[in-house]
Amino acid sequence: MPAKDRNESGDLYIERLVRDIINYISNDVRRVLLKVDRGGLASAEEIRLRALKPLMMLNCHGDWFVSPDGRLVSDVRDAFIVEQNEIMKTLELMSENSIYAYQDEIRNGFITLKGGHRVGISGKTILDGCSVKNIKDISGLNIRLSREVRGCAEKVAGYLLKNRTEIYNTLIISPPQCGKTTLLRDIARIISDGMPEACFQGVKVGVVDERSEIASCHKGIPQNYLGMRTDVLDSCPKSIGMTMLLRSMSPQVIITDEIGNKGDKDAIMQVINAGVKIVATAHGYNISELKTRREVLELMEDRVFERYVVLSSKRGPGTVEEIVDGSTMQQLKLPVGG
């Protein structure tokens, strides 16, 4: 079942957290996590297991050590220490006792669980030429808890909708962990399903989800709701995926995450020249910082993007710092409470 939004009741969220994640963690670590109070579990954003190091939990207040009795503490001397065999057992449980079946995901450095939760993997890489063939001697797992926040893009969406069936080409700029993928996910939902209060009809959306973070597909099925008219290419390089979508799925809008790599500019220009709109994200603290990155700078100089949305975590993840008109580079009035 797709991940629910942050408005679901605490009891339901904790129930899903236990069912989709904690039940797939090795026995000793699971027993500790089940002792964490409900508030601690509900606010968790990451759970980190590192071999022979403290069990840790990250929330909006920072990262914490987890004690053997489930308390979130700041003193490392009180922390529960994770053994490497606990990490391997956890990975076996998460891969349904068939690590080989998840080999393609593992060599990319992560696997995706039911519910959209993503587990990053560290260890010794085995190379095949210049590419990673496998990761063995697993020494760390980073469990990133997936949370949809349906409705979080509604105030911003009004600035991105051009008319009843078109949107502005948009770039979302944000530092890490400031909510850009969460916002992008909700924008996909709005564009796909439509926004009646803004007289916007839903249109066909294609999502290139290179890192499996937008849709969080599990066995091919998106665990996050991206709208009824949305098609997803999971674990596909952006430059390849955009071309594939243009040829096969006739999207009216293409959405992708974290542009700026070599080849991204050419792929985006192919999208624009095909008359298809684009919504993308890029790492950065402001628009000026993007000008130091060649691929993005060339797109900016060509006036490809008609809207820029800059995020921070000043008032929590997803804080909208500014929305800029790409043709005039003038700041638009921010939505109330942005």
C-alpha atoms as a PDB file:
ATOM      1  CA  MET A   1       0.000   0.000   0.000  1.00  0.00           C
ATOM      2  CA  PRO A   2       1.396   3.454  -0.853  1.00  0.00           C
ATOM      3  CA  ALA A   3       2.813   5.496   1.989  1.00  0.00           C
ATOM      4  CA  LYS A   4       0.230   7.723   3.636  1.00  0.00           C
ATOM      5  CA  ASP A   5       0.672  11.413   4.239  1.00  0.00           C
ATOM      6  CA  ARG A   6       1.836  13.041   7.436  1.00  0.00           C
ATOM      7  CA  ASN A   7      -1.739  13.776   8.475  1.00  0.00           C
ATOM      8  CA  GLU A   8      -2.617  10.144   9.233  1.00  0.00           C
ATOM      9  CA  SER A   9      -3.100   9.359  12.924  1.00  0.00           C
ATOM     10  CA  GLY A  10      -0.045   8.639  15.050  1.00  0.00           C
ATOM     11  CA  ASP A  11      -1.285   5.134  15.845  1.00  0.00           C
ATOM     12  CA  LEU A  12      -1.637   4.234  12.167  1.00  0.00           C
ATOM     13  CA  TYR A  13       1.775   5.670  11.341  1.00  0.00           C
ATOM     14  CA  ILE A  14       3.510   3.747  14.149  1.00  0.00           C
ATOM     15  CA  GLU A  15       1.690   0.579  13.067  1.00  0.00           C
ATOM     16  CA  ARG A  16       2.989   1.010   9.503  1.00  0.00           C
ATOM     17  CA  LEU A  17       6.483   1.831  10.729  1.00  0.00           C
ATOM     18  CA  VAL A  18       6.638  -1.390  12.727  1.00  0.00           C
ATOM     19  CA  ARG A  19       5.102  -3.463   9.925  1.00  0.00           C
ATOM     20  CA  ASP A  20       7.144  -2.064   7.030  1.00  0.00           C
ATOM     21  CA  ILE A  21      10.517  -1.410   8.692  1.00  0.00           C
ATOM     22  CA  ILE A  22      11.093  -2.496  12.279  1.00  0.00           C
ATOM     23  CA  ASN A  23       9.847  -6.044  11.683  1.00  0.00           C
ATOM     24  CA  TYR A  24      12.589  -6.361   9.041  1.00  0.00           C
ATOM     25  CA  ILE A  25      15.399  -5.357  11.402  1.00  0.00           C
ATOM     26  CA  SER A  26      17.430  -8.046  13.208  1.00  0.00           C
ATOM     27  CA  ASN A  27      16.198  -9.248  16.581  1.00  0.00           C
ATOM     28  CA  ASP A  28      18.545  -7.413  18.969  1.00  0.00           C
ATOM     29  CA  VAL A  29      18.198  -4.049  17.219  1.00  0.00           C
ATOM     30  CA  ARG A  30      14.443  -4.530  16.774  1.00  0.00           C
ATOM     31  CA  ARG A  31      13.983  -5.073  20.509  1.00  0.00           C
ATOM     32  CA  VAL A  32      15.734  -1.759  21.207  1.00  0.00           C
ATOM     33  CA  LEU A  33      13.723   0.192  18.625  1.00  0.00           C
ATOM     34  CA  LEU A  34      10.427  -1.181  19.921  1.00  0.00           C
ATOM     35  CA  LYS A  35      11.285   0.372  23.294  1.00  0.00           C
ATOM     36  CA  VAL A  36      11.575   3.889  21.819  1.00  0.00           C
ATOM     37  CA  ASP A  37       8.585   5.989  22.880  1.00  0.00           C
ATOM     38  CA  ARG A  38       5.903   6.701  20.299  1.00  0.00           C
ATOM     39  CA  GLY A  39       6.883  10.354  19.954  1.00  0.00           C
ATOM     40  CA  GLY A  40      10.461   9.375  19.159  1.00  0.00           C
ATOM     41  CA  LEU A  41       9.373   6.871  16.523  1.00  0.00           C
ATOM     42  CA  ALA A  42       6.834   9.251  14.980  1.00  0.00           C
ATOM     43  CA  SER A  43       9.439  12.017  14.543  1.00  0.00           C
ATOM     44  CA  ALA A  44      12.208   9.781  13.163  1.00  0.00           C
ATOM     45  CA  GLU A  45      13.574  10.611   9.710  1.00  0.00           C
ATOM     46  CA  GLU A  46      16.498   8.164   9.593  1.00  0.00           C
ATOM     47  CA  ILE A  47      17.634   5.091  11.519  1.00  0.00           C
ATOM     48  CA  ARG A  48      21.337   4.307  11.140  1.00  0.00           C
ATOM     49  CA  LEU A  49      23.056   0.991  11.780  1.00  0.00           C
ATOM     50  CA  ARG A  50      26.876   1.018  11.617  1.00  0.00           C
ATOM     51  CA  ALA A  51      29.058  -1.971  12.490  1.00  0.00           C
ATOM     52  CA  LEU A  52      30.551  -1.715  16.005  1.00  0.00           C
ATOM     53  CA  LYS A  53      29.143   1.789  16.372  1.00  0.00           C
ATOM     54  CA  PRO A  54      26.138   3.304  18.186  1.00  0.00           C
ATOM     55  CA  LEU A  55      22.594   2.815  16.936  1.00  0.00           C
ATOM     56  CA  MET A  56      21.414   6.294  15.895  1.00  0.00           C
ATOM     57  CA  MET A  57      18.179   8.023  15.021  1.00  0.00           C
ATOM     58  CA  LEU A  58      17.800  11.343  13.192  1.00  0.00           C
ATOM     59  CA  ASN A  59      14.861  13.725  13.552  1.00  0.00           C
ATOM     60  CA  CYS A  60      14.288  17.438  12.946  1.00  0.00           C
ATOM     61  CA  HIS A  61      16.154  18.248  16.188  1.00  0.00           C
ATOM     62  CA  GLY A  62      19.358  16.468  15.168  1.00  0.00           C
ATOM     63  CA  ASP A  63      20.797  12.993  15.522  1.00  0.00           C
ATOM     64  CA  TRP A  64      20.575  10.926  18.692  1.00  0.00           C
ATOM     65  CA  PHE A  65      22.105   7.787  20.120  1.00  0.00           C
ATOM     66  CA  VAL A  66      19.615   5.090  21.069  1.00  0.00           C
ATOM     67  CA  SER A  67      20.196   3.443  24.447  1.00  0.00           C
ATOM     68  CA  PRO A  68      19.518  -0.281  25.091  1.00  0.00           C
ATOM     69  CA  ASP A  69      16.292   0.703  26.888  1.00  0.00           C
ATOM     70  CA  GLY A  70      15.076   2.794  23.923  1.00  0.00           C
ATOM     71  CA  ARG A  71      15.900   6.292  25.158  1.00  0.00           C
ATOM     72  CA  LEU A  72      17.187   8.910  22.693  1.00  0.00           C
ATOM     73  CA  VAL A  73      20.361  10.208  24.358  1.00  0.00           C
ATOM     74  CA  SER A  74      23.238  12.580  23.555  1.00  0.00           C
ATOM     75  CA  ASP A  75      25.912  10.681  25.508  1.00  0.00           C
ATOM     76  CA  VAL A  76      27.539   7.985  23.381  1.00  0.00           C
ATOM     77  CA  ARG A  77      28.425   6.034  26.511  1.00  0.00           C
ATOM     78  CA  ASP A  78      24.726   5.222  26.951  1.00  0.00           C
ATOM     79  CA  ALA A  79      24.264   3.968  23.388  1.00  0.00           C
ATOM     80  CA  PHE A  80      23.427   0.491  22.112  1.00  0.00           C
ATOM     81  CA  ILE A  81      26.299  -0.812  19.932  1.00  0.00           C
ATOM     82  CA  VAL A  82      25.393  -2.552  16.662  1.00  0.00           C
ATOM     83  CA  GLU A  83      27.257  -5.731  15.693  1.00  0.00           C
ATOM     84  CA  GLN A  84      28.079  -6.393  12.031  1.00  0.00           C
ATOM     85  CA  ASN A  85      26.151  -9.663  12.009  1.00  0.00           C
ATOM     86  CA  GLU A  86      23.040  -7.646  12.987  1.00  0.00           C
ATOM     87  CA  ILE A  87      23.518  -5.527   9.872  1.00  0.00           C
ATOM     88  CA  MET A  88      23.850  -8.562   7.609  1.00  0.00           C
ATOM     89  CA  LYS A  89      20.809 -10.208   9.176  1.00  0.00           C
ATOM     90  CA  THR A  90      18.818  -7.000   8.678  1.00  0.00           C
ATOM     91  CA  LEU A  91      19.756  -6.850   4.996  1.00  0.00           C
ATOM     92  CA  GLU A  92      18.739 -10.500   4.570  1.00  0.00           C
ATOM     93  CA  LEU A  93      15.344  -9.816   6.145  1.00  0.00           C
ATOM     94  CA  MET A  94      14.818  -6.699   4.026  1.00  0.00           C
ATOM     95  CA  SER A  95      15.682  -8.627   0.864  1.00  0.00           C
ATOM     96  CA  GLU A  96      13.264 -11.415   1.849  1.00  0.00           C
ATOM     97  CA  ASN A  97      16.175 -13.824   2.429  1.00  0.00           C
ATOM     98  CA  SER A  98      17.249 -13.458  -1.193  1.00  0.00           C
ATOM     99  CA  ILE A  99      19.984 -10.849  -1.395  1.00  0.00           C
ATOM    100  CA  TYR A 100      20.796 -12.070  -4.905  1.00  0.00           C
ATOM    101  CA  ALA A 101      17.338 -11.028  -6.120  1.00  0.00           C
ATOM    102  CA  TYR A 102      18.105  -7.460  -4.989  1.00  0.00           C
ATOM    103  CA  GLN A 103      21.603  -7.396  -6.483  1.00  0.00           C
ATOM    104  CA  ASP A 104      20.823  -4.714  -9.080  1.00  0.00           C
ATOM    105  CA  GLU A 105      19.575  -2.373  -6.362  1.00  0.00           C
ATOM    106  CA  ILE A 106      22.377  -3.207  -3.927  1.00  0.00           C
ATOM    107  CA  ARG A 107      25.112  -2.361  -6.398  1.00  0.00           C
ATOM    108  CA  ASN A 108      23.476   1.054  -6.787  1.00  0.00           C
ATOM    109  CA  GLY A 109      23.905   1.533  -3.051  1.00  0.00           C
ATOM    110  CA  PHE A 110      20.344   1.146  -1.797  1.00  0.00           C
ATOM    111  CA  ILE A 111      17.202  -0.949  -1.733  1.00  0.00           C
ATOM    112  CA  THR A 112      13.590   0.257  -1.481  1.00  0.00           C
ATOM    113  CA  LEU A 113      11.190  -1.335   0.982  1.00  0.00           C
ATOM    114  CA  LYS A 114       7.436  -1.651   0.799  1.00  0.00           C
ATOM    115  CA  GLY A 115       5.993   1.679   1.867  1.00  0.00           C
ATOM    116  CA  GLY A 116       8.672   3.592  -0.032  1.00  0.00           C
ATOM    117  CA  HIS A 117      11.311   3.532   2.697  1.00  0.00           C
ATOM    118  CA  ARG A 118      14.834   3.601   1.262  1.00  0.00           C
ATOM    119  CA  VAL A 119      17.799   1.790   2.795  1.00  0.00           C
ATOM    120  CA  GLY A 120      21.257   3.092   1.892  1.00  0.00           C
ATOM    121  CA  ILE A 121      24.102   0.571   1.982  1.00  0.00           C
ATOM    122  CA  SER A 122      27.826   0.979   2.673  1.00  0.00           C
ATOM    123  CA  GLY A 123      30.581  -1.597   2.589  1.00  0.00           C
ATOM    124  CA  LYS A 124      33.330  -2.894   0.309  1.00  0.00           C
ATOM    125  CA  THR A 125      32.615  -2.316  -3.376  1.00  0.00           C
ATOM    126  CA  ILE A 126      33.523  -4.888  -6.009  1.00  0.00           C
ATOM    127  CA  LEU A 127      34.308  -3.224  -9.329  1.00  0.00           C
ATOM    128  CA  ASP A 128      33.783  -4.393 -12.877  1.00  0.00           C
ATOM    129  CA  GLY A 129      35.924  -1.961 -14.820  1.00  0.00           C
ATOM    130  CA  CYS A 130      34.669   1.479 -13.829  1.00  0.00           C
ATOM    131  CA  SER A 131      31.263   0.316 -12.571  1.00  0.00           C
ATOM    132  CA  VAL A 132      30.225  -1.241  -9.268  1.00  0.00           C
ATOM    133  CA  LYS A 133      29.452  -4.942  -9.613  1.00  0.00           C
ATOM    134  CA  ASN A 134      28.521  -5.615  -5.998  1.00  0.00           C
ATOM    135  CA  ILE A 135      28.841  -4.409  -2.420  1.00  0.00           C
ATOM    136  CA  LYS A 136      30.001  -6.958   0.140  1.00  0.00           C
ATOM    137  CA  ASP A 137      31.167  -6.885   3.769  1.00  0.00           C
ATOM    138  CA  ILE A 138      28.200  -4.602   4.498  1.00  0.00           C
ATOM    139  CA  SER A 139      29.128  -2.261   7.352  1.00  0.00           C
ATOM    140  CA  GLY A 140      26.329   0.283   7.404  1.00  0.00           C
ATOM    141  CA  LEU A 141      22.639   0.773   6.687  1.00  0.00           C
ATOM    142  CA  ASN A 142      20.828   4.110   6.545  1.00  0.00           C
ATOM    143  CA  ILE A 143      17.059   3.584   6.750  1.00  0.00           C
ATOM    144  CA  ARG A 144      15.374   6.736   5.417  1.00  0.00           C
ATOM    145  CA  LEU A 145      11.726   6.842   6.423  1.00  0.00           C
ATOM    146  CA  SER A 146       9.382   7.799   3.610  1.00  0.00           C
ATOM    147  CA  ARG A 147       6.665  10.333   4.372  1.00  0.00           C
ATOM    148  CA  GLU A 148       4.286  11.776   1.861  1.00  0.00           C
ATOM    149  CA  VAL A 149       3.016  15.243   2.694  1.00  0.00           C
ATOM    150  CA  ARG A 150       0.036  15.544   0.402  1.00  0.00           C
ATOM    151  CA  GLY A 151      -1.010  19.142  -0.042  1.00  0.00           C
ATOM    152  CA  CYS A 152       2.405  20.630   0.765  1.00  0.00           C
ATOM    153  CA  ALA A 153       2.714  22.008  -2.792  1.00  0.00           C
ATOM    154  CA  GLU A 154      -0.744  23.535  -3.067  1.00  0.00           C
ATOM    155  CA  LYS A 155       0.337  27.097  -2.177  1.00  0.00           C
ATOM    156  CA  VAL A 156       3.310  26.926  -4.543  1.00  0.00           C
ATOM    157  CA  ALA A 157       1.359  25.256  -7.350  1.00  0.00           C
ATOM    158  CA  GLY A 158      -0.587  28.408  -8.141  1.00  0.00           C
ATOM    159  CA  TYR A 159       2.654  30.043  -9.283  1.00  0.00           C
ATOM    160  CA  LEU A 160       3.521  27.112 -11.550  1.00  0.00           C
ATOM    161  CA  LEU A 161       0.199  26.741 -13.394  1.00  0.00           C
ATOM    162  CA  LYS A 162       0.137  28.737 -16.625  1.00  0.00           C
ATOM    163  CA  ASN A 163      -3.410  28.029 -17.791  1.00  0.00           C
ATOM    164  CA  ARG A 164      -5.958  25.202 -17.655  1.00  0.00           C
ATOM    165  CA  THR A 165      -3.643  22.655 -19.286  1.00  0.00           C
ATOM    166  CA  GLU A 166      -0.097  24.067 -19.120  1.00  0.00           C
ATOM    167  CA  ILE A 167       2.503  24.734 -16.462  1.00  0.00           C
ATOM    168  CA  TYR A 168       5.665  26.836 -16.374  1.00  0.00           C
ATOM    169  CA  ASN A 169       9.016  25.089 -16.766  1.00  0.00           C
ATOM    170  CA  THR A 170      10.172  25.036 -13.156  1.00  0.00           C
ATOM    171  CA  LEU A 171      13.399  24.461 -11.213  1.00  0.00           C
ATOM    172  CA  ILE A 172      13.251  23.806  -7.463  1.00  0.00           C
ATOM    173  CA  ILE A 173      16.471  24.778  -5.668  1.00  0.00           C
ATOM    174  CA  SER A 174      17.238  23.405  -2.230  1.00  0.00           C
ATOM    175  CA  PRO A 175      20.063  22.267   0.070  1.00  0.00           C
ATOM    176  CA  PRO A 176      19.965  18.602   1.165  1.00  0.00           C
ATOM    177  CA  GLN A 177      17.111  17.543   3.472  1.00  0.00           C
ATOM    178  CA  CYS A 178      15.049  20.690   2.955  1.00  0.00           C
ATOM    179  CA  GLY A 179      12.050  19.009   1.364  1.00  0.00           C
ATOM    180  CA  LYS A 180      12.644  19.394  -2.369  1.00  0.00           C
ATOM    181  CA  THR A 181      11.771  15.786  -3.254  1.00  0.00           C
ATOM    182  CA  THR A 182       8.697  15.901  -1.009  1.00  0.00           C
ATOM    183  CA  LEU A 183       7.560  19.086  -2.749  1.00  0.00           C
ATOM    184  CA  LEU A 184       8.338  17.621  -6.193  1.00  0.00           C
ATOM    185  CA  ARG A 185       6.286  14.540  -5.395  1.00  0.00           C
ATOM    186  CA  ASP A 186       3.244  16.611  -4.473  1.00  0.00           C
ATOM    187  CA  ILE A 187       3.654  18.808  -7.563  1.00  0.00           C
ATOM    188  CA  ALA A 188       3.519  15.618  -9.667  1.00  0.00           C
ATOM    189  CA  ARG A 189       0.281  14.632  -7.925  1.00  0.00           C
ATOM    190  CA  ILE A 190      -1.321  18.045  -8.490  1.00  0.00           C
ATOM    191  CA  ILE A 191      -0.315  18.261 -12.158  1.00  0.00           C
ATOM    192  CA  SER A 192      -1.492  14.714 -12.809  1.00  0.00           C
ATOM    193  CA  ASP A 193      -4.802  14.787 -10.939  1.00  0.00           C
ATOM    194  CA  GLY A 194      -5.591  18.435 -11.603  1.00  0.00           C
ATOM    195  CA  MET A 195      -6.369  21.315  -9.280  1.00  0.00           C
ATOM    196  CA  PRO A 196     -10.070  22.250  -9.663  1.00  0.00           C
ATOM    197  CA  GLU A 197      -9.822  25.290  -7.388  1.00  0.00           C
ATOM    198  CA  ALA A 198      -7.256  26.745  -9.824  1.00  0.00           C
ATOM    199  CA  CYS A 199      -9.243  25.572 -12.879  1.00  0.00           C
ATOM    200  CA  PHE A 200      -6.342  23.316 -13.863  1.00  0.00           C
ATOM    201  CA  GLN A 201      -7.097  20.038 -15.621  1.00  0.00           C
ATOM    202  CA  GLY A 202      -4.904  17.037 -14.965  1.00  0.00           C
ATOM    203  CA  VAL A 203      -2.321  16.243 -17.663  1.00  0.00           C
ATOM    204  CA  LYS A 204      -0.072  13.287 -18.496  1.00  0.00           C
ATOM    205  CA  VAL A 205       3.090  13.251 -16.378  1.00  0.00           C
ATOM    206  CA  GLY A 206       6.261  11.223 -16.858  1.00  0.00           C
ATOM    207  CA  VAL A 207       8.621  10.821 -13.890  1.00  0.00           C
ATOM    208  CA  VAL A 208      12.264   9.810 -14.323  1.00  0.00           C
ATOM    209  CA  ASP A 209      13.117   8.510 -10.850  1.00  0.00           C
ATOM    210  CA  GLU A 210      16.835   7.826 -11.148  1.00  0.00           C
ATOM    211  CA  ARG A 211      17.399   7.293  -7.421  1.00  0.00           C
ATOM    212  CA  SER A 212      14.003   5.756  -6.602  1.00  0.00           C
ATOM    213  CA  GLU A 213      13.239   8.660  -4.260  1.00  0.00           C
ATOM    214  CA  ILE A 214      10.253  10.320  -5.917  1.00  0.00           C
ATOM    215  CA  ALA A 215       7.915   7.357  -6.461  1.00  0.00           C
ATOM    216  CA  SER A 216       9.876   4.931  -4.223  1.00  0.00           C
ATOM    217  CA  CYS A 217       8.928   1.925  -6.346  1.00  0.00           C
ATOM    218  CA  HIS A 218       8.877  -1.489  -4.691  1.00  0.00           C
ATOM    219  CA  LYS A 219       8.817  -4.354  -7.194  1.00  0.00           C
ATOM    220  CA  GLY A 220       7.796  -1.875  -9.883  1.00  0.00           C
ATOM    221  CA  ILE A 221       4.861  -0.347  -8.001  1.00  0.00           C
ATOM    222  CA  PRO A 222       5.156   3.290  -6.806  1.00  0.00           C
ATOM    223  CA  GLN A 223       4.763   3.405  -3.040  1.00  0.00           C
ATOM    224  CA  ASN A 224       4.086   7.137  -3.153  1.00  0.00           C
ATOM    225  CA  TYR A 225       1.006   8.514  -4.893  1.00  0.00           C
ATOM    226  CA  LEU A 226       2.025  10.656  -7.879  1.00  0.00           C
ATOM    227  CA  GLY A 227      -1.358  11.019  -9.548  1.00  0.00           C
ATOM    228  CA  MET A 228      -3.642   9.004 -11.816  1.00  0.00           C
ATOM    229  CA  ARG A 229      -2.047  10.205 -15.079  1.00  0.00           C
ATOM    230  CA  THR A 230       1.561   9.574 -14.056  1.00  0.00           C
ATOM    231  CA  ASP A 231       4.010   7.046 -15.524  1.00  0.00           C
ATOM    232  CA  VAL A 232       7.290   6.273 -13.756  1.00  0.00           C
ATOM    233  CA  LEU A 233      10.666   5.117 -15.046  1.00  0.00           C
ATOM    234  CA  ASP A 234      12.376   3.786 -11.925  1.00  0.00           C
ATOM    235  CA  SER A 235      16.177   3.578 -11.447  1.00  0.00           C
ATOM    236  CA  CYS A 236      16.757   5.059 -14.893  1.00  0.00           C
ATOM    237  CA  PRO A 237      19.456   7.674 -15.635  1.00  0.00           C
ATOM    238  CA  LYS A 238      17.815  11.040 -16.253  1.00  0.00           C
ATOM    239  CA  SER A 239      19.328  11.708 -19.659  1.00  0.00           C
ATOM    240  CA  ILE A 240      18.197   8.296 -20.951  1.00  0.00           C
ATOM    241  CA  GLY A 241      14.846   8.290 -19.171  1.00  0.00           C
ATOM    242  CA  MET A 242      13.664  11.621 -20.520  1.00  0.00           C
ATOM    243  CA  THR A 243      14.280  10.430 -24.081  1.00  0.00           C
ATOM    244  CA  MET A 244      12.521   7.130 -23.404  1.00  0.00           C
ATOM    245  CA  LEU A 245       9.447   8.867 -22.001  1.00  0.00           C
ATOM    246  CA  LEU A 246       9.230  11.204 -24.981  1.00  0.00           C
ATOM    247  CA  ARG A 247       9.299   8.256 -27.373  1.00  0.00           C
ATOM    248  CA  SER A 248       6.983   5.917 -25.536  1.00  0.00           C
ATOM    249  CA  MET A 249       4.569   7.643 -23.134  1.00  0.00           C
ATOM    250  CA  SER A 250       3.654  10.999 -24.796  1.00  0.00           C
ATOM    251  CA  PRO A 251       3.891  13.013 -21.557  1.00  0.00           C
ATOM    252  CA  GLN A 252       2.858  16.641 -21.352  1.00  0.00           C
ATOM    253  CA  VAL A 253       5.132  17.225 -18.371  1.00  0.00           C
ATOM    254  CA  ILE A 254       8.360  15.437 -17.382  1.00  0.00           C
ATOM    255  CA  ILE A 255       9.505  15.523 -13.757  1.00  0.00           C
ATOM    256  CA  THR A 256      12.950  14.559 -12.495  1.00  0.00           C
ATOM    257  CA  ASP A 257      15.225  15.126  -9.524  1.00  0.00           C
ATOM    258  CA  GLU A 258      18.702  16.596  -9.013  1.00  0.00           C
ATOM    259  CA  ILE A 259      19.819  17.848 -12.418  1.00  0.00           C
ATOM    260  CA  GLY A 260      23.320  19.145 -13.064  1.00  0.00           C
ATOM    261  CA  ASN A 261      25.244  16.120 -14.326  1.00  0.00           C
ATOM    262  CA  LYS A 262      26.804  15.854 -17.750  1.00  0.00           C
ATOM    263  CA  GLY A 263      24.150  15.190 -20.381  1.00  0.00           C
ATOM    264  CA  ASP A 264      21.257  16.601 -18.361  1.00  0.00           C
ATOM    265  CA  LYS A 265      21.194  19.855 -20.337  1.00  0.00           C
ATOM    266  CA  ASP A 266      20.921  18.117 -23.717  1.00  0.00           C
ATOM    267  CA  ALA A 267      18.138  15.841 -22.440  1.00  0.00           C
ATOM    268  CA  ILE A 268      16.187  18.786 -21.015  1.00  0.00           C
ATOM    269  CA  MET A 269      16.542  20.734 -24.258  1.00  0.00           C
ATOM    270  CA  GLN A 270      15.181  17.699 -26.104  1.00  0.00           C
ATOM    271  CA  VAL A 271      12.150  17.791 -23.795  1.00  0.00           C
ATOM    272  CA  ILE A 272      11.633  21.530 -24.337  1.00  0.00           C
ATOM    273  CA  ASN A 273      12.032  21.247 -28.116  1.00  0.00           C
ATOM    274  CA  ALA A 274       9.388  18.517 -28.147  1.00  0.00           C
ATOM    275  CA  GLY A 275       6.905  20.968 -26.616  1.00  0.00           C
ATOM    276  CA  VAL A 276       6.888  19.146 -23.275  1.00  0.00           C
ATOM    277  CA  LYS A 277       7.162  20.997 -19.970  1.00  0.00           C
ATOM    278  CA  ILE A 278       9.779  20.186 -17.332  1.00  0.00           C
ATOM    279  CA  VAL A 279       9.849  20.331 -13.531  1.00  0.00           C
ATOM    280  CA  ALA A 280      13.198  19.489 -11.924  1.00  0.00           C
ATOM    281  CA  THR A 281      15.242  20.044  -8.787  1.00  0.00           C
ATOM    282  CA  ALA A 282      18.859  21.037  -8.178  1.00  0.00           C
ATOM    283  CA  HIS A 283      21.065  21.176  -5.103  1.00  0.00           C
ATOM    284  CA  GLY A 284      21.873  24.708  -4.004  1.00  0.00           C
ATOM    285  CA  TYR A 285      21.253  27.382  -1.395  1.00  0.00           C
ATOM    286  CA  ASN A 286      20.180  30.069  -3.871  1.00  0.00           C
ATOM    287  CA  ILE A 287      19.978  30.910  -7.555  1.00  0.00           C
ATOM    288  CA  SER A 288      23.411  32.557  -7.623  1.00  0.00           C
ATOM    289  CA  GLU A 289      25.095  29.362  -6.438  1.00  0.00           C
ATOM    290  CA  LEU A 290      23.697  27.452  -9.437  1.00  0.00           C
ATOM    291  CA  LYS A 291      25.632  29.713 -11.793  1.00  0.00           C
ATOM    292  CA  THR A 292      28.836  27.928 -10.788  1.00  0.00           C
ATOM    293  CA  ARG A 293      27.537  24.689 -12.355  1.00  0.00           C
ATOM    294  CA  ARG A 294      27.983  24.663 -16.100  1.00  0.00           C
ATOM    295  CA  GLU A 295      25.084  22.390 -17.089  1.00  0.00           C
ATOM    296  CA  VAL A 296      22.598  24.401 -15.024  1.00  0.00           C
ATOM    297  CA  LEU A 297      24.093  27.786 -15.945  1.00  0.00           C
ATOM    298  CA  GLU A 298      23.613  27.114 -19.658  1.00  0.00           C
ATOM    299  CA  LEU A 299      19.946  26.263 -19.054  1.00  0.00           C
ATOM    300  CA  MET A 300      19.539  29.477 -17.067  1.00  0.00           C
ATOM    301  CA  GLU A 301      21.233  31.544 -19.761  1.00  0.00           C
ATOM    302  CA  ASP A 302      18.903  30.024 -22.358  1.00  0.00           C
ATOM    303  CA  ARG A 303      15.926  31.057 -20.153  1.00  0.00           C
ATOM    304  CA  VAL A 304      14.643  27.485 -20.109  1.00  0.00           C
ATOM    305  CA  PHE A 305      13.123  27.802 -16.646  1.00  0.00           C
ATOM    306  CA  GLU A 306      10.164  30.136 -16.254  1.00  0.00           C
ATOM    307  CA  ARG A 307       9.907  29.698 -12.494  1.00  0.00           C
ATOM    308  CA  TYR A 308      12.501  29.163  -9.757  1.00  0.00           C
ATOM    309  CA  VAL A 309      11.408  27.967  -6.311  1.00  0.00           C
ATOM    310  CA  VAL A 310      14.061  28.267  -3.561  1.00  0.00           C
ATOM    311  CA  LEU A 311      13.654  26.179  -0.396  1.00  0.00           C
ATOM    312  CA  SER A 312      15.321  26.120   3.009  1.00  0.00           C
ATOM    313  CA  SER A 313      14.636  24.563   6.396  1.00  0.00           C
ATOM    314  CA  LYS A 314      14.445  27.902   8.199  1.00  0.00           C
ATOM    315  CA  ARG A 315      10.916  27.200   9.470  1.00  0.00           C
ATOM    316  CA  GLY A 316      11.169  23.467   9.010  1.00  0.00           C
ATOM    317  CA  PRO A 317      11.811  21.410   5.830  1.00  0.00           C
ATOM    318  CA  GLY A 318      10.015  22.825   2.810  1.00  0.00           C
ATOM    319  CA  THR A 319      10.230  26.494   3.800  1.00  0.00           C
ATOM    320  CA  VAL A 320       9.760  28.555   0.619  1.00  0.00           C
ATOM    321  CA  GLU A 321      12.390  31.316   0.610  1.00  0.00           C
ATOM    322  CA  GLU A 322      11.483  32.835  -2.763  1.00  0.00           C
ATOM    323  CA  ILE A 323       9.709  32.223  -6.053  1.00  0.00           C
ATOM    324  CA  VAL A 324      11.342  33.951  -9.014  1.00  0.00           C
ATOM    325  CA  ASP A 325       9.997  34.703 -12.496  1.00  0.00           C
ATOM    326  CA  GLY A 326      12.531  33.232 -14.930  1.00  0.00           C
ATOM    327  CA  SER A 327      11.951  35.828 -17.654  1.00  0.00           C
ATOM    328  CA  THR A 328      12.484  38.903 -15.465  1.00  0.00           C
ATOM    329  CA  MET A 329      14.393  37.270 -12.580  1.00  0.00           C
ATOM    330  CA  GLN A 330      12.120  39.256 -10.273  1.00  0.00           C
ATOM    331  CA  GLN A 331      10.873  37.737  -7.055  1.00  0.00           C
ATOM    332  CA  LEU A 332       7.156  36.998  -6.934  1.00  0.00           C
ATOM    333  CA  LYS A 333       5.096  37.548  -3.815  1.00  0.00           C
ATOM    334  CA  LEU A 334       5.423  34.545  -1.550  1.00  0.00           C
ATOM    335  CA  PRO A 335       2.367  32.487  -0.598  1.00  0.00           C
ATOM    336  CA  VAL A 336       1.089  33.212   2.900  1.00  0.00           C
ATOM    337  CA  GLY A 337       2.846  30.942   5.379  1.00  0.00           C
ATOM    338  CA  GLY A 338       5.388  29.815   2.760  1.00  0.00           C
END
